């Protein structure tokens, strides 16, 4: 995804193909309750996008807060190199017809 495509996503409203998350999913290598809850939330969001029939690619945009008035606040994320690779490899949902 390039910057222009990202800017276009920011102009759209949330829908069955676009979900904004103001915060990332906090994963850690430990088996704590909080880590397991965050893994489950991440899996639920990915599965929800993947199981919805559509003709277009779906996106979960992390680090962007969608306001009720339609505006967006860019929060960003602090990721380690490992987390960046994990999300990049795992969080792309192809269109499902």
C-alpha atoms as a PDB file:
ATOM      1  CA  UNK A   1       0.000   0.000   0.000  1.00  0.00           C
ATOM      2  CA  UNK A   2       1.362   3.403  -0.904  1.00  0.00           C
ATOM      3  CA  UNK A   3       0.716   6.752   0.790  1.00  0.00           C
ATOM      4  CA  UNK A   4      -1.916   7.826  -1.754  1.00  0.00           C
ATOM      5  CA  UNK A   5      -3.949   4.648  -1.148  1.00  0.00           C
ATOM      6  CA  UNK A   6      -3.680   5.171   2.620  1.00  0.00           C
ATOM      7  CA  UNK A   7      -4.910   8.766   2.240  1.00  0.00           C
ATOM      8  CA  UNK A   8      -7.908   7.505   0.249  1.00  0.00           C
ATOM      9  CA  UNK A   9      -8.776   5.032   3.017  1.00  0.00           C
ATOM     10  CA  UNK A  10      -8.715   7.849   5.575  1.00  0.00           C
ATOM     11  CA  UNK A  11     -11.381   9.691   3.563  1.00  0.00           C
ATOM     12  CA  UNK A  12     -13.771   6.724   3.628  1.00  0.00           C
ATOM     13  CA  UNK A  13     -16.262   5.818   6.334  1.00  0.00           C
ATOM     14  CA  UNK A  14     -15.986   2.574   8.249  1.00  0.00           C
ATOM     15  CA  UNK A  15     -17.852  -0.242   6.525  1.00  0.00           C
ATOM     16  CA  UNK A  16     -17.711  -3.986   5.951  1.00  0.00           C
ATOM     17  CA  UNK A  17     -14.440  -3.371   4.070  1.00  0.00           C
ATOM     18  CA  UNK A  18     -12.835  -0.793   6.366  1.00  0.00           C
ATOM     19  CA  UNK A  19     -12.304  -0.783  10.124  1.00  0.00           C
ATOM     20  CA  UNK A  20     -10.243   1.812  12.008  1.00  0.00           C
ATOM     21  CA  UNK A  21      -8.535   0.806  15.263  1.00  0.00           C
ATOM     22  CA  UNK A  22      -7.167   3.612  17.414  1.00  0.00           C
ATOM     23  CA  UNK A  23      -4.737   1.274  19.177  1.00  0.00           C
ATOM     24  CA  UNK A  24      -2.774  -1.726  18.096  1.00  0.00           C
ATOM     25  CA  UNK A  25      -3.121  -5.191  19.507  1.00  0.00           C
ATOM     26  CA  UNK A  26      -0.644  -5.562  22.360  1.00  0.00           C
ATOM     27  CA  UNK A  27       1.070  -8.914  21.910  1.00  0.00           C
ATOM     28  CA  UNK A  28       3.867 -10.311  23.998  1.00  0.00           C
ATOM     29  CA  UNK A  29       5.736 -13.571  24.085  1.00  0.00           C
ATOM     30  CA  UNK A  30       4.313 -14.489  27.463  1.00  0.00           C
ATOM     31  CA  UNK A  31       1.140 -16.442  28.044  1.00  0.00           C
ATOM     32  CA  UNK A  32      -0.553 -13.815  30.212  1.00  0.00           C
ATOM     33  CA  UNK A  33      -4.302 -13.326  30.306  1.00  0.00           C
ATOM     34  CA  UNK A  34      -3.976  -9.870  28.683  1.00  0.00           C
ATOM     35  CA  UNK A  35      -1.842 -11.199  25.812  1.00  0.00           C
ATOM     36  CA  UNK A  36      -4.303 -14.009  25.173  1.00  0.00           C
ATOM     37  CA  UNK A  37      -7.259 -11.576  25.180  1.00  0.00           C
ATOM     38  CA  UNK A  38      -5.454  -9.331  22.667  1.00  0.00           C
ATOM     39  CA  UNK A  39      -4.628 -12.297  20.431  1.00  0.00           C
ATOM     40  CA  UNK A  40      -8.313 -13.300  20.522  1.00  0.00           C
ATOM     41  CA  UNK A  41      -9.429  -9.743  19.622  1.00  0.00           C
ATOM     42  CA  UNK A  42      -6.977  -9.668  16.711  1.00  0.00           C
ATOM     43  CA  UNK A  43      -8.155 -13.067  15.473  1.00  0.00           C
ATOM     44  CA  UNK A  44     -11.826 -12.034  15.782  1.00  0.00           C
ATOM     45  CA  UNK A  45     -11.269  -8.874  13.752  1.00  0.00           C
ATOM     46  CA  UNK A  46      -9.335 -10.703  11.023  1.00  0.00           C
ATOM     47  CA  UNK A  47     -11.875 -13.549  10.850  1.00  0.00           C
ATOM     48  CA  UNK A  48     -14.769 -11.078  10.708  1.00  0.00           C
ATOM     49  CA  UNK A  49     -13.210  -9.382   7.688  1.00  0.00           C
ATOM     50  CA  UNK A  50     -12.280 -12.667   6.043  1.00  0.00           C
ATOM     51  CA  UNK A  51     -15.727 -14.240   6.462  1.00  0.00           C
ATOM     52  CA  UNK A  52     -17.710 -11.364   4.993  1.00  0.00           C
ATOM     53  CA  UNK A  53     -18.449 -11.907   1.289  1.00  0.00           C
ATOM     54  CA  UNK A  54     -17.296  -8.919  -0.773  1.00  0.00           C
ATOM     55  CA  UNK A  55     -15.899  -7.896  -4.132  1.00  0.00           C
ATOM     56  CA  UNK A  56     -13.199  -5.601  -2.742  1.00  0.00           C
ATOM     57  CA  UNK A  57     -10.199  -5.915  -0.468  1.00  0.00           C
ATOM     58  CA  UNK A  58     -10.931  -5.234   3.212  1.00  0.00           C
ATOM     59  CA  UNK A  59      -8.692  -3.214   5.528  1.00  0.00           C
ATOM     60  CA  UNK A  60      -8.162  -2.924   9.253  1.00  0.00           C
ATOM     61  CA  UNK A  61      -6.267   0.331   9.707  1.00  0.00           C
ATOM     62  CA  UNK A  62      -4.443   0.373  13.033  1.00  0.00           C
ATOM     63  CA  UNK A  63      -3.427   3.638  14.662  1.00  0.00           C
ATOM     64  CA  UNK A  64      -6.313   5.753  13.354  1.00  0.00           C
ATOM     65  CA  UNK A  65      -9.180   6.903  15.555  1.00  0.00           C
ATOM     66  CA  UNK A  66     -12.482   7.456  13.745  1.00  0.00           C
ATOM     67  CA  UNK A  67     -14.445  10.295  15.355  1.00  0.00           C
ATOM     68  CA  UNK A  68     -18.249  10.476  15.375  1.00  0.00           C
ATOM     69  CA  UNK A  69     -18.144  13.637  13.254  1.00  0.00           C
ATOM     70  CA  UNK A  70     -16.335  11.731  10.494  1.00  0.00           C
ATOM     71  CA  UNK A  71     -12.894  13.182  11.179  1.00  0.00           C
ATOM     72  CA  UNK A  72      -9.833  11.021  11.860  1.00  0.00           C
ATOM     73  CA  UNK A  73      -7.037  11.330  14.386  1.00  0.00           C
ATOM     74  CA  UNK A  74      -3.790   9.626  13.425  1.00  0.00           C
ATOM     75  CA  UNK A  75      -2.467   7.931  16.558  1.00  0.00           C
ATOM     76  CA  UNK A  76       0.272   5.851  14.974  1.00  0.00           C
ATOM     77  CA  UNK A  77       1.870   2.803  16.532  1.00  0.00           C
ATOM     78  CA  UNK A  78       5.098   1.894  18.246  1.00  0.00           C
ATOM     79  CA  UNK A  79       6.121  -1.466  16.847  1.00  0.00           C
ATOM     80  CA  UNK A  80       9.192  -3.593  17.176  1.00  0.00           C
ATOM     81  CA  UNK A  81      10.682  -4.978  13.978  1.00  0.00           C
ATOM     82  CA  UNK A  82       9.251  -8.404  14.826  1.00  0.00           C
ATOM     83  CA  UNK A  83       5.734  -7.066  15.349  1.00  0.00           C
ATOM     84  CA  UNK A  84       5.896  -5.120  12.096  1.00  0.00           C
ATOM     85  CA  UNK A  85       6.857  -8.262  10.175  1.00  0.00           C
ATOM     86  CA  UNK A  86       4.149 -10.314  11.888  1.00  0.00           C
ATOM     87  CA  UNK A  87       1.396  -7.821  11.059  1.00  0.00           C
ATOM     88  CA  UNK A  88       2.646  -7.277   7.524  1.00  0.00           C
ATOM     89  CA  UNK A  89       2.582 -11.032   6.861  1.00  0.00           C
ATOM     90  CA  UNK A  90      -0.695 -11.818   8.633  1.00  0.00           C
ATOM     91  CA  UNK A  91      -3.099  -8.937   8.176  1.00  0.00           C
ATOM     92  CA  UNK A  92      -3.940  -8.717   4.493  1.00  0.00           C
ATOM     93  CA  UNK A  93      -7.411  -9.969   3.606  1.00  0.00           C
ATOM     94  CA  UNK A  94      -8.041 -10.770  -0.041  1.00  0.00           C
ATOM     95  CA  UNK A  95     -11.459 -10.099  -1.625  1.00  0.00           C
ATOM     96  CA  UNK A  96     -13.937 -12.912  -1.091  1.00  0.00           C
ATOM     97  CA  UNK A  97     -16.762 -13.439  -3.577  1.00  0.00           C
END
